C-alpha cells in the first residue's frame, strides 16, 4: 500500500516540474525559518517572479498542499520498502525508522498555523495508520503486542507519538544520537514489547536502514 497523494504534477514538462519542486523545497526552508513568510518572500528566495510561483500555486493553501504532496510521496516510497512478512515487532520498528528519515517535512507542516493544514495532514496520514493497524492486529494475534487498546486506537497513538518525538527532537527538548532507533524503542514499548526486546529489535532496524 502506497500513501495516497493529491499530486497535480501529472502532465507537467521537465522545466515546469523542476520549477514546482524548487518552489516546494525553497518554501520549506523559508517557512521553517519564518512561518509568516509571504508568497512574495518565497518567490524571491526561489529566484523567480511572482507570476511563476502563482502559476504553480495560486494560493498559500495550494502551496501547503504541494508540500504535503512532496512529503507523502516520500512517505509512500518509505512504506513500500517495508517488508511486512517479517514479525510484526520488526516491521513496526522498520516503519518507525523509515518515517523518521522523512520527518523533516513533517516538522514544518506541523508548525504551520493555517486553518485546516493539520486536518489535511491527518487525512494524508490515513494510509500510514492503515498499515499500522494491520501490523498491530497481527502482533496482538500472535501475542507479541499487548491488547490493552484496539489496533485502530493504538495506531493513532503511535502516529502521534512519532510526530511528537520529531518535534521534541527538533526543538532540542530531546537530544539523542540515535533518535530513529530510540523512537522505534518508544513505539515498541507503547505496544507492549518489553524494553530489552524493544531495544534489540530497534537496534537491528536502525542498522539495516543505514546506507
N, C-alpha and C. Protein backbone atom coordinates (compact mmCIF):
# COMPACT_ATOMS: atom_id res chain seq x y z
N UNK A 1 0.84 -1.19 0.00
CA UNK A 1 0.00 0.00 0.00
C UNK A 1 0.88 1.24 0.00
N UNK A 2 0.60 2.15 -0.93
CA UNK A 2 1.36 3.38 -1.00
C UNK A 2 0.53 4.52 -0.47
N UNK A 3 1.18 5.46 0.25
CA UNK A 3 0.45 6.59 0.79
C UNK A 3 -0.24 7.35 -0.32
N UNK A 4 -1.49 7.72 -0.09
CA UNK A 4 -2.25 8.45 -1.08
C UNK A 4 -1.77 9.89 -1.16
N UNK A 5 -1.60 10.39 -2.38
CA UNK A 5 -1.24 11.78 -2.57
C UNK A 5 -2.29 12.46 -3.42
N UNK A 6 -2.21 13.77 -3.48
CA UNK A 6 -3.12 14.57 -4.27
C UNK A 6 -2.28 15.32 -5.30
N UNK A 7 -1.36 14.64 -5.93
CA UNK A 7 -0.39 15.29 -6.80
C UNK A 7 -1.04 15.89 -8.02
N UNK A 8 -0.55 17.06 -8.43
CA UNK A 8 -1.02 17.72 -9.64
C UNK A 8 0.14 17.85 -10.62
N UNK A 9 1.12 16.97 -10.51
CA UNK A 9 2.30 17.06 -11.36
C UNK A 9 2.16 16.28 -12.66
N UNK A 10 1.10 15.49 -12.79
CA UNK A 10 0.91 14.70 -14.00
C UNK A 10 0.76 15.64 -15.19
N UNK A 11 1.52 15.38 -16.23
CA UNK A 11 1.41 16.18 -17.43
C UNK A 11 2.34 17.37 -17.49
N UNK A 12 3.05 17.66 -16.40
CA UNK A 12 3.98 18.77 -16.40
C UNK A 12 5.24 18.40 -17.17
N UNK A 13 5.78 19.37 -17.92
CA UNK A 13 7.04 19.16 -18.61
C UNK A 13 8.20 19.20 -17.64
N UNK A 14 9.39 18.80 -18.10
CA UNK A 14 10.55 18.77 -17.20
C UNK A 14 10.85 20.11 -16.54
N UNK A 15 10.77 21.20 -17.30
CA UNK A 15 11.08 22.51 -16.73
C UNK A 15 10.05 22.93 -15.70
N UNK A 16 8.76 22.73 -16.03
CA UNK A 16 7.70 23.09 -15.09
C UNK A 16 7.79 22.23 -13.82
N UNK A 17 8.10 20.95 -13.98
CA UNK A 17 8.22 20.07 -12.82
C UNK A 17 9.40 20.49 -11.95
N UNK A 18 10.52 20.87 -12.60
CA UNK A 18 11.69 21.32 -11.84
C UNK A 18 11.37 22.61 -11.08
N UNK A 19 10.63 23.53 -11.72
CA UNK A 19 10.25 24.77 -11.05
C UNK A 19 9.35 24.48 -9.85
N UNK A 20 8.40 23.59 -10.03
CA UNK A 20 7.48 23.26 -8.94
C UNK A 20 8.24 22.67 -7.76
N UNK A 21 9.14 21.76 -8.04
CA UNK A 21 9.90 21.13 -6.95
C UNK A 21 10.83 22.12 -6.27
N UNK A 22 11.37 23.06 -7.06
CA UNK A 22 12.22 24.09 -6.46
C UNK A 22 11.41 24.97 -5.53
N UNK A 23 10.20 25.34 -5.95
CA UNK A 23 9.34 26.16 -5.11
C UNK A 23 9.04 25.45 -3.79
N UNK A 24 8.68 24.17 -3.89
CA UNK A 24 8.35 23.41 -2.68
C UNK A 24 9.56 23.33 -1.74
N UNK A 25 10.75 23.08 -2.30
CA UNK A 25 11.95 22.97 -1.48
C UNK A 25 12.28 24.30 -0.81
N UNK A 26 12.21 25.38 -1.58
CA UNK A 26 12.52 26.71 -1.03
C UNK A 26 11.47 27.11 0.00
N UNK A 27 10.21 26.82 -0.28
CA UNK A 27 9.14 27.16 0.67
C UNK A 27 9.37 26.46 2.01
N UNK A 28 9.83 25.21 1.95
CA UNK A 28 10.11 24.50 3.20
C UNK A 28 11.16 25.20 4.03
N UNK A 29 12.23 25.66 3.40
CA UNK A 29 13.30 26.37 4.11
C UNK A 29 12.80 27.70 4.65
N UNK A 30 12.11 28.46 3.81
CA UNK A 30 11.66 29.79 4.20
C UNK A 30 10.61 29.74 5.30
N UNK A 31 9.66 28.83 5.19
CA UNK A 31 8.60 28.75 6.19
C UNK A 31 9.10 28.18 7.51
N UNK A 32 10.13 27.34 7.45
CA UNK A 32 10.71 26.85 8.69
C UNK A 32 11.46 27.97 9.39
N UNK A 33 12.09 28.83 8.59
CA UNK A 33 12.80 29.99 9.14
C UNK A 33 11.82 31.05 9.63
N UNK A 34 10.76 31.28 8.86
CA UNK A 34 9.77 32.30 9.19
C UNK A 34 8.39 31.80 8.77
N UNK A 35 7.59 31.28 9.70
CA UNK A 35 6.28 30.74 9.35
C UNK A 35 5.34 31.76 8.71
N UNK A 36 5.68 33.05 8.84
CA UNK A 36 4.83 34.09 8.28
C UNK A 36 5.35 34.60 6.94
N UNK A 37 6.33 33.92 6.37
CA UNK A 37 6.85 34.33 5.06
C UNK A 37 5.72 34.38 4.04
N UNK A 38 5.72 35.45 3.24
CA UNK A 38 4.67 35.63 2.25
C UNK A 38 5.00 34.87 0.97
N UNK A 39 4.02 34.78 0.10
CA UNK A 39 4.25 34.16 -1.19
C UNK A 39 5.32 34.94 -1.97
N UNK A 40 5.32 36.26 -1.80
CA UNK A 40 6.33 37.09 -2.46
C UNK A 40 7.72 36.77 -1.91
N UNK A 41 7.83 36.58 -0.60
CA UNK A 41 9.12 36.22 0.00
C UNK A 41 9.63 34.90 -0.58
N UNK A 42 8.73 33.95 -0.73
CA UNK A 42 9.12 32.63 -1.24
C UNK A 42 9.54 32.72 -2.69
N UNK A 43 8.82 33.51 -3.48
CA UNK A 43 9.20 33.69 -4.89
C UNK A 43 10.59 34.29 -5.00
N UNK A 44 10.87 35.31 -4.18
CA UNK A 44 12.18 35.95 -4.21
C UNK A 44 13.27 34.97 -3.81
N UNK A 45 13.01 34.18 -2.77
CA UNK A 45 14.01 33.21 -2.32
C UNK A 45 14.27 32.14 -3.38
N UNK A 46 13.24 31.83 -4.16
CA UNK A 46 13.37 30.82 -5.22
C UNK A 46 14.00 31.41 -6.47
N UNK A 47 14.19 32.72 -6.49
CA UNK A 47 14.81 33.36 -7.65
C UNK A 47 13.90 33.40 -8.87
N UNK A 48 12.60 33.59 -8.62
CA UNK A 48 11.66 33.64 -9.74
C UNK A 48 10.66 34.76 -9.52
N UNK A 49 10.00 35.17 -10.56
CA UNK A 49 8.99 36.22 -10.45
C UNK A 49 7.74 35.62 -9.83
N UNK A 50 6.91 36.49 -9.25
CA UNK A 50 5.70 36.02 -8.58
C UNK A 50 4.77 35.27 -9.54
N UNK A 51 4.74 35.71 -10.81
CA UNK A 51 3.86 35.08 -11.78
C UNK A 51 4.16 33.59 -11.91
N UNK A 52 5.45 33.25 -11.88
CA UNK A 52 5.83 31.83 -11.98
C UNK A 52 5.34 31.06 -10.77
N UNK A 53 5.54 31.64 -9.58
CA UNK A 53 5.07 30.99 -8.35
C UNK A 53 3.57 30.79 -8.39
N UNK A 54 2.83 31.85 -8.70
CA UNK A 54 1.38 31.76 -8.70
C UNK A 54 0.86 30.87 -9.82
N UNK A 55 1.66 30.68 -10.87
CA UNK A 55 1.26 29.76 -11.92
C UNK A 55 1.19 28.32 -11.43
N UNK A 56 2.05 28.00 -10.49
CA UNK A 56 2.05 26.65 -9.91
C UNK A 56 1.14 26.57 -8.68
N UNK A 57 1.17 27.60 -7.86
CA UNK A 57 0.43 27.59 -6.59
C UNK A 57 -0.31 28.92 -6.46
N UNK A 58 -1.55 28.99 -6.89
CA UNK A 58 -2.28 30.27 -6.89
C UNK A 58 -2.59 30.81 -5.50
N UNK A 59 -2.53 29.96 -4.47
CA UNK A 59 -2.80 30.40 -3.10
C UNK A 59 -1.81 29.74 -2.14
N UNK A 60 -1.73 30.29 -0.95
CA UNK A 60 -0.87 29.70 0.08
C UNK A 60 -1.35 28.29 0.42
N UNK A 61 -2.66 28.10 0.45
CA UNK A 61 -3.21 26.77 0.74
C UNK A 61 -2.76 25.77 -0.32
N UNK A 62 -2.75 26.20 -1.59
CA UNK A 62 -2.29 25.31 -2.66
C UNK A 62 -0.82 24.97 -2.49
N UNK A 63 -0.03 25.94 -2.01
CA UNK A 63 1.39 25.67 -1.77
C UNK A 63 1.57 24.65 -0.65
N UNK A 64 0.80 24.79 0.42
CA UNK A 64 0.88 23.82 1.52
C UNK A 64 0.49 22.43 1.02
N UNK A 65 -0.54 22.37 0.17
CA UNK A 65 -0.92 21.07 -0.40
C UNK A 65 0.21 20.50 -1.25
N UNK A 66 0.92 21.37 -1.97
CA UNK A 66 2.05 20.90 -2.76
C UNK A 66 3.15 20.34 -1.88
N UNK A 67 3.36 20.97 -0.74
CA UNK A 67 4.36 20.48 0.20
C UNK A 67 3.91 19.14 0.79
N UNK A 68 2.61 19.02 1.05
CA UNK A 68 2.09 17.74 1.53
C UNK A 68 2.27 16.65 0.48
N UNK A 69 2.03 17.00 -0.79
CA UNK A 69 2.25 16.03 -1.86
C UNK A 69 3.67 15.49 -1.82
N UNK A 70 4.64 16.40 -1.75
CA UNK A 70 6.04 16.00 -1.77
C UNK A 70 6.39 15.15 -0.57
N UNK A 71 5.93 15.58 0.62
CA UNK A 71 6.23 14.83 1.84
C UNK A 71 5.66 13.42 1.78
N UNK A 72 4.42 13.30 1.31
CA UNK A 72 3.79 11.99 1.35
C UNK A 72 4.18 11.11 0.17
N UNK A 73 4.71 11.69 -0.88
CA UNK A 73 5.34 10.86 -1.90
C UNK A 73 6.56 10.16 -1.29
N UNK A 74 7.31 10.89 -0.46
CA UNK A 74 8.45 10.28 0.23
C UNK A 74 7.98 9.23 1.23
N UNK A 75 6.89 9.51 1.91
CA UNK A 75 6.34 8.53 2.85
C UNK A 75 5.93 7.26 2.11
N UNK A 76 5.29 7.43 0.96
CA UNK A 76 4.88 6.26 0.18
C UNK A 76 6.06 5.40 -0.21
N UNK A 77 7.15 6.05 -0.65
CA UNK A 77 8.35 5.29 -1.02
C UNK A 77 8.94 4.58 0.19
N UNK A 78 8.91 5.26 1.35
CA UNK A 78 9.44 4.66 2.57
C UNK A 78 8.61 3.43 2.97
N UNK A 79 7.29 3.54 2.89
CA UNK A 79 6.43 2.43 3.27
C UNK A 79 6.58 1.25 2.31
N UNK A 80 6.80 1.55 1.03
CA UNK A 80 6.96 0.48 0.06
C UNK A 80 8.20 -0.36 0.33
N UNK A 81 9.16 0.22 1.07
CA UNK A 81 10.38 -0.51 1.37
C UNK A 81 10.29 -1.39 2.60
N UNK A 82 9.14 -1.38 3.28
CA UNK A 82 8.97 -2.18 4.50
C UNK A 82 8.55 -3.60 4.15
N UNK A 83 9.26 -4.57 4.68
CA UNK A 83 8.93 -5.98 4.47
C UNK A 83 7.90 -6.39 5.53
N UNK A 84 6.64 -6.45 5.13
CA UNK A 84 5.57 -6.76 6.08
C UNK A 84 5.43 -8.25 6.34
N UNK A 85 6.28 -9.08 5.70
CA UNK A 85 6.26 -10.51 6.01
C UNK A 85 7.10 -10.82 7.24
N UNK A 86 7.83 -9.82 7.73
CA UNK A 86 8.61 -10.01 8.95
C UNK A 86 7.69 -10.08 10.16
N UNK A 87 8.21 -10.50 11.32
CA UNK A 87 7.41 -10.43 12.54
C UNK A 87 6.90 -9.00 12.76
N UNK A 88 5.70 -8.84 13.31
CA UNK A 88 5.10 -7.51 13.47
C UNK A 88 5.98 -6.51 14.22
N UNK A 89 6.70 -6.95 15.24
CA UNK A 89 7.53 -6.02 16.01
C UNK A 89 8.65 -5.45 15.14
N UNK A 90 9.29 -6.29 14.34
CA UNK A 90 10.37 -5.81 13.48
C UNK A 90 9.81 -4.90 12.38
N UNK A 91 8.69 -5.27 11.79
CA UNK A 91 8.10 -4.44 10.74
C UNK A 91 7.69 -3.08 11.30
N UNK A 92 7.19 -3.06 12.54
CA UNK A 92 6.82 -1.79 13.18
C UNK A 92 8.05 -0.92 13.42
N UNK A 93 9.13 -1.54 13.86
CA UNK A 93 10.38 -0.80 14.07
C UNK A 93 10.92 -0.26 12.76
N UNK A 94 10.89 -1.09 11.71
CA UNK A 94 11.34 -0.64 10.39
C UNK A 94 10.51 0.55 9.91
N UNK A 95 9.22 0.49 10.14
CA UNK A 95 8.32 1.57 9.71
C UNK A 95 8.63 2.86 10.45
N UNK A 96 8.88 2.77 11.75
CA UNK A 96 9.22 3.95 12.53
C UNK A 96 10.51 4.59 12.04
N UNK A 97 11.52 3.77 11.81
CA UNK A 97 12.81 4.27 11.33
C UNK A 97 12.66 4.92 9.96
N UNK A 98 11.86 4.30 9.09
CA UNK A 98 11.65 4.84 7.75
C UNK A 98 10.93 6.18 7.79
N UNK A 99 9.92 6.28 8.63
CA UNK A 99 9.19 7.54 8.75
C UNK A 99 10.07 8.63 9.35
N UNK A 100 10.95 8.25 10.26
CA UNK A 100 11.84 9.24 10.86
C UNK A 100 12.74 9.86 9.80
N UNK A 101 13.12 9.06 8.83
CA UNK A 101 14.04 9.54 7.79
C UNK A 101 13.42 10.64 6.94
N UNK A 102 12.09 10.68 6.86
CA UNK A 102 11.44 11.74 6.08
C UNK A 102 10.73 12.73 7.01
N UNK A 103 11.16 12.75 8.27
CA UNK A 103 10.48 13.55 9.28
C UNK A 103 10.66 15.04 9.16
N UNK A 104 11.71 15.52 8.49
CA UNK A 104 11.91 16.95 8.41
C UNK A 104 10.73 17.66 7.76
N UNK A 105 10.13 17.03 6.77
CA UNK A 105 8.98 17.63 6.11
C UNK A 105 7.82 17.78 7.08
N UNK A 106 7.63 16.80 7.95
CA UNK A 106 6.53 16.85 8.90
C UNK A 106 6.75 17.94 9.96
N UNK A 107 7.97 18.15 10.35
CA UNK A 107 8.25 19.16 11.36
C UNK A 107 7.72 20.51 10.93
N UNK A 108 7.96 20.88 9.68
CA UNK A 108 7.47 22.16 9.18
C UNK A 108 5.95 22.17 9.11
N UNK A 109 5.37 21.13 8.53
CA UNK A 109 3.93 21.12 8.32
C UNK A 109 3.17 21.16 9.64
N UNK A 110 3.72 20.56 10.68
CA UNK A 110 3.07 20.59 11.99
C UNK A 110 3.11 21.98 12.61
N UNK A 111 4.08 22.80 12.20
CA UNK A 111 4.22 24.13 12.78
C UNK A 111 3.37 25.18 12.10
N UNK A 112 2.86 24.88 10.94
CA UNK A 112 2.07 25.85 10.21
C UNK A 112 0.72 26.05 10.89
N UNK A 113 0.31 27.29 10.98
CA UNK A 113 -0.91 27.61 11.72
C UNK A 113 -2.13 27.82 10.81
N UNK A 114 -1.97 27.64 9.51
CA UNK A 114 -3.11 27.85 8.63
C UNK A 114 -4.26 26.94 9.03
N UNK A 115 -5.45 27.52 8.99
CA UNK A 115 -6.64 26.73 9.31
C UNK A 115 -6.74 25.56 8.35
N UNK A 116 -6.90 24.38 8.90
CA UNK A 116 -7.08 23.20 8.07
C UNK A 116 -5.82 22.47 7.69
N UNK A 117 -4.64 23.09 7.93
CA UNK A 117 -3.41 22.42 7.50
C UNK A 117 -3.20 21.12 8.26
N UNK A 118 -3.49 21.13 9.55
CA UNK A 118 -3.34 19.91 10.33
C UNK A 118 -4.37 18.86 9.92
N UNK A 119 -5.58 19.33 9.61
CA UNK A 119 -6.61 18.39 9.18
C UNK A 119 -6.21 17.71 7.88
N UNK A 120 -5.63 18.48 6.95
CA UNK A 120 -5.21 17.90 5.68
C UNK A 120 -4.07 16.91 5.90
N UNK A 121 -3.18 17.22 6.82
CA UNK A 121 -2.09 16.29 7.11
C UNK A 121 -2.63 15.01 7.73
N UNK A 122 -3.60 15.15 8.64
CA UNK A 122 -4.21 13.98 9.25
C UNK A 122 -4.84 13.08 8.19
N UNK A 123 -5.48 13.69 7.21
CA UNK A 123 -6.09 12.93 6.12
C UNK A 123 -5.02 12.15 5.35
N UNK A 124 -3.88 12.80 5.09
CA UNK A 124 -2.82 12.13 4.33
C UNK A 124 -2.17 11.00 5.14
N UNK A 125 -2.28 11.07 6.47
CA UNK A 125 -1.67 10.03 7.31
C UNK A 125 -2.52 8.75 7.38
N UNK A 126 -3.71 8.78 6.78
CA UNK A 126 -4.59 7.61 6.87
C UNK A 126 -3.93 6.33 6.37
N UNK A 127 -3.18 6.34 5.24
CA UNK A 127 -2.53 5.09 4.79
C UNK A 127 -1.48 4.59 5.79
N UNK A 128 -0.81 5.53 6.49
CA UNK A 128 0.17 5.13 7.49
C UNK A 128 -0.55 4.41 8.64
N UNK A 129 -1.65 4.99 9.09
CA UNK A 129 -2.40 4.35 10.17
C UNK A 129 -2.95 3.00 9.73
N UNK A 130 -3.39 2.90 8.48
CA UNK A 130 -3.92 1.62 7.99
C UNK A 130 -2.84 0.54 8.04
N UNK A 131 -1.62 0.90 7.63
CA UNK A 131 -0.51 -0.07 7.69
C UNK A 131 -0.24 -0.46 9.14
N UNK A 132 -0.25 0.51 10.04
CA UNK A 132 -0.01 0.22 11.46
C UNK A 132 -1.11 -0.66 12.04
N UNK A 133 -2.35 -0.41 11.67
CA UNK A 133 -3.45 -1.22 12.19
C UNK A 133 -3.23 -2.69 11.83
N UNK A 134 -2.82 -2.95 10.61
CA UNK A 134 -2.56 -4.33 10.18
C UNK A 134 -1.45 -4.96 11.00
N UNK A 135 -0.36 -4.21 11.20
CA UNK A 135 0.77 -4.74 11.97
C UNK A 135 0.39 -4.98 13.43
N UNK A 136 -0.33 -4.03 14.02
CA UNK A 136 -0.71 -4.16 15.43
C UNK A 136 -1.67 -5.32 15.62
N UNK A 137 -2.62 -5.47 14.71
CA UNK A 137 -3.55 -6.60 14.82
C UNK A 137 -2.81 -7.93 14.74
N UNK A 138 -1.82 -8.01 13.85
CA UNK A 138 -1.04 -9.24 13.73
C UNK A 138 -0.23 -9.49 15.00
N UNK A 139 0.35 -8.43 15.56
CA UNK A 139 1.13 -8.57 16.79
C UNK A 139 0.28 -8.96 17.98
N UNK A 140 -0.94 -8.44 18.04
CA UNK A 140 -1.84 -8.83 19.13
C UNK A 140 -2.30 -10.28 18.96
N UNK A 141 -2.49 -10.68 17.72
CA UNK A 141 -2.96 -12.04 17.46
C UNK A 141 -1.91 -13.09 17.84
N UNK A 142 -0.62 -12.76 17.61
CA UNK A 142 0.41 -13.76 17.94
C UNK A 142 1.00 -13.57 19.33
N UNK A 143 0.45 -12.63 20.10
CA UNK A 143 0.89 -12.43 21.48
C UNK A 143 2.10 -11.54 21.65
N UNK A 144 2.63 -10.98 20.56
CA UNK A 144 3.79 -10.10 20.64
C UNK A 144 3.43 -8.76 21.27
N UNK A 145 2.25 -8.24 20.92
CA UNK A 145 1.80 -6.93 21.38
C UNK A 145 0.70 -7.09 22.43
N UNK A 146 0.62 -6.12 23.32
CA UNK A 146 -0.43 -6.11 24.34
C UNK A 146 -1.77 -5.78 23.71
N UNK A 147 -2.83 -6.13 24.39
CA UNK A 147 -4.18 -5.93 23.86
C UNK A 147 -4.96 -4.91 24.69
N UNK A 148 -4.25 -4.00 25.35
CA UNK A 148 -4.94 -3.02 26.20
C UNK A 148 -5.69 -1.98 25.39
N UNK A 149 -5.35 -1.83 24.10
CA UNK A 149 -6.09 -0.94 23.22
C UNK A 149 -6.35 -1.67 21.90
N UNK A 150 -7.45 -1.37 21.22
CA UNK A 150 -7.69 -1.98 19.92
C UNK A 150 -6.69 -1.45 18.90
N UNK A 151 -6.46 -2.19 17.83
CA UNK A 151 -5.45 -1.78 16.85
C UNK A 151 -5.63 -0.37 16.29
N UNK A 152 -6.87 0.02 15.98
CA UNK A 152 -7.09 1.35 15.40
C UNK A 152 -6.69 2.46 16.36
N UNK A 153 -7.02 2.28 17.65
CA UNK A 153 -6.66 3.30 18.64
C UNK A 153 -5.16 3.33 18.85
N UNK A 154 -4.52 2.16 18.91
CA UNK A 154 -3.07 2.12 19.11
C UNK A 154 -2.34 2.70 17.90
N UNK A 155 -2.87 2.51 16.70
CA UNK A 155 -2.24 3.10 15.52
C UNK A 155 -2.23 4.61 15.61
N UNK A 156 -3.30 5.20 16.12
CA UNK A 156 -3.33 6.65 16.31
C UNK A 156 -2.30 7.07 17.36
N UNK A 157 -2.17 6.28 18.42
CA UNK A 157 -1.19 6.60 19.46
C UNK A 157 0.22 6.61 18.88
N UNK A 158 0.57 5.61 18.09
CA UNK A 158 1.91 5.53 17.53
C UNK A 158 2.18 6.67 16.55
N UNK A 159 1.18 7.01 15.74
CA UNK A 159 1.34 8.11 14.79
C UNK A 159 1.63 9.42 15.52
N UNK A 160 0.84 9.70 16.54
CA UNK A 160 1.04 10.94 17.31
C UNK A 160 2.37 10.90 18.05
N UNK A 161 2.74 9.73 18.57
CA UNK A 161 3.99 9.59 19.30
C UNK A 161 5.19 9.94 18.42
N UNK A 162 5.22 9.39 17.21
CA UNK A 162 6.35 9.66 16.31
C UNK A 162 6.41 11.15 15.96
N UNK A 163 5.27 11.76 15.66
CA UNK A 163 5.26 13.18 15.32
C UNK A 163 5.69 14.04 16.50
N UNK A 164 5.25 13.67 17.70
CA UNK A 164 5.64 14.43 18.90
C UNK A 164 7.14 14.30 19.16
N UNK A 165 7.69 13.11 18.96
CA UNK A 165 9.13 12.93 19.15
C UNK A 165 9.93 13.71 18.10
N UNK A 166 9.43 13.79 16.87
CA UNK A 166 10.09 14.59 15.85
C UNK A 166 10.18 16.05 16.28
N UNK A 167 9.08 16.57 16.79
CA UNK A 167 9.08 17.96 17.24
C UNK A 167 9.97 18.16 18.45
N UNK A 168 9.94 17.23 19.40
CA UNK A 168 10.78 17.34 20.59
C UNK A 168 12.25 17.32 20.22
N UNK A 169 12.60 16.48 19.26
CA UNK A 169 13.99 16.39 18.83
C UNK A 169 14.41 17.68 18.10
N UNK A 170 13.51 18.19 17.25
CA UNK A 170 13.80 19.42 16.51
C UNK A 170 13.94 20.62 17.45
N UNK A 171 13.13 20.66 18.50
CA UNK A 171 13.15 21.78 19.44
C UNK A 171 14.25 21.69 20.49
N UNK A 172 14.99 20.57 20.48
CA UNK A 172 16.07 20.40 21.45
C UNK A 172 15.61 19.93 22.81
N UNK A 173 14.34 19.56 22.93
CA UNK A 173 13.83 19.05 24.20
C UNK A 173 14.27 17.61 24.44
N UNK A 174 14.62 16.95 23.37
CA UNK A 174 15.08 15.55 23.46
C UNK A 174 16.27 15.41 22.53
N UNK A 175 17.42 15.18 23.10
CA UNK A 175 18.65 15.05 22.32
C UNK A 175 19.07 13.59 22.35
N UNK A 176 19.20 12.99 21.18
CA UNK A 176 19.58 11.58 21.09
C UNK A 176 20.44 11.37 19.86
N UNK A 177 21.56 10.71 20.04
CA UNK A 177 22.45 10.45 18.91
C UNK A 177 21.81 9.47 17.93
N UNK A 178 21.00 8.56 18.44
CA UNK A 178 20.33 7.55 17.61
C UNK A 178 18.82 7.74 17.76
N UNK A 179 18.35 8.91 17.29
CA UNK A 179 16.96 9.27 17.53
C UNK A 179 15.98 8.31 16.86
N UNK A 180 16.26 7.90 15.62
CA UNK A 180 15.35 6.98 14.93
C UNK A 180 15.22 5.66 15.69
N UNK A 181 16.36 5.14 16.15
CA UNK A 181 16.35 3.89 16.92
C UNK A 181 15.55 4.07 18.20
N UNK A 182 15.79 5.17 18.91
CA UNK A 182 15.11 5.38 20.18
C UNK A 182 13.61 5.62 19.99
N UNK A 183 13.24 6.26 18.88
CA UNK A 183 11.82 6.43 18.58
C UNK A 183 11.17 5.06 18.35
N UNK A 184 11.89 4.17 17.67
CA UNK A 184 11.37 2.82 17.45
C UNK A 184 11.22 2.08 18.77
N UNK A 185 12.18 2.26 19.68
CA UNK A 185 12.07 1.65 21.01
C UNK A 185 10.79 2.13 21.71
N UNK A 186 10.56 3.45 21.66
CA UNK A 186 9.38 4.02 22.31
C UNK A 186 8.10 3.45 21.73
N UNK A 187 8.05 3.29 20.41
CA UNK A 187 6.85 2.75 19.77
C UNK A 187 6.62 1.29 20.16
N UNK A 188 7.69 0.51 20.21
CA UNK A 188 7.55 -0.90 20.57
C UNK A 188 7.13 -1.06 22.02
N UNK A 189 7.67 -0.24 22.90
CA UNK A 189 7.25 -0.29 24.30
C UNK A 189 5.77 0.09 24.42
N UNK A 190 5.35 1.08 23.61
CA UNK A 190 3.95 1.52 23.66
C UNK A 190 2.99 0.39 23.28
N UNK A 191 3.42 -0.50 22.39
CA UNK A 191 2.53 -1.60 22.00
C UNK A 191 2.71 -2.83 22.88
N UNK A 192 3.59 -2.73 23.88
CA UNK A 192 3.68 -3.80 24.86
C UNK A 192 4.90 -4.69 24.81
N UNK A 193 5.89 -4.35 23.97
CA UNK A 193 7.13 -5.13 23.94
C UNK A 193 8.00 -4.72 25.13
N UNK A 194 8.62 -5.68 25.82
CA UNK A 194 9.47 -5.33 26.95
C UNK A 194 10.68 -4.55 26.46
N UNK A 195 11.25 -3.73 27.36
CA UNK A 195 12.31 -2.82 26.94
C UNK A 195 13.53 -3.55 26.34
N UNK A 196 14.05 -4.62 26.96
CA UNK A 196 15.20 -5.28 26.33
C UNK A 196 14.88 -5.77 24.92
N UNK A 197 13.71 -6.37 24.75
CA UNK A 197 13.33 -6.84 23.42
C UNK A 197 13.16 -5.70 22.44
N UNK A 198 12.53 -4.60 22.90
CA UNK A 198 12.33 -3.44 22.04
C UNK A 198 13.66 -2.85 21.61
N UNK A 199 14.61 -2.76 22.54
CA UNK A 199 15.92 -2.19 22.23
C UNK A 199 16.66 -3.03 21.19
N UNK A 200 16.58 -4.35 21.32
CA UNK A 200 17.26 -5.23 20.38
C UNK A 200 16.65 -5.13 18.99
N UNK A 201 15.33 -5.14 18.92
CA UNK A 201 14.66 -5.06 17.62
C UNK A 201 14.91 -3.71 16.96
N UNK A 202 14.81 -2.63 17.73
CA UNK A 202 15.01 -1.29 17.18
C UNK A 202 16.45 -1.11 16.69
N UNK A 203 17.40 -1.66 17.41
CA UNK A 203 18.79 -1.56 17.00
C UNK A 203 19.01 -2.26 15.64
N UNK A 204 18.41 -3.43 15.50
CA UNK A 204 18.53 -4.15 14.22
C UNK A 204 17.89 -3.37 13.08
N UNK A 205 16.74 -2.76 13.35
CA UNK A 205 16.06 -1.97 12.32
C UNK A 205 16.88 -0.76 11.91
N UNK A 206 17.46 -0.08 12.91
CA UNK A 206 18.28 1.10 12.62
C UNK A 206 19.52 0.74 11.83
N UNK A 207 20.15 -0.37 12.19
CA UNK A 207 21.36 -0.80 11.46
C UNK A 207 21.02 -1.18 10.03
N UNK A 208 19.88 -1.83 9.82
CA UNK A 208 19.50 -2.24 8.47
C UNK A 208 19.19 -1.04 7.58
N UNK A 209 18.77 0.07 8.19
CA UNK A 209 18.40 1.26 7.41
C UNK A 209 19.59 2.11 7.02
N UNK A 210 20.74 1.85 7.64
CA UNK A 210 21.92 2.67 7.32
C UNK A 210 22.42 2.33 5.92
N UNK A 211 22.93 3.34 5.20
CA UNK A 211 23.45 3.09 3.84
C UNK A 211 24.60 2.12 3.87
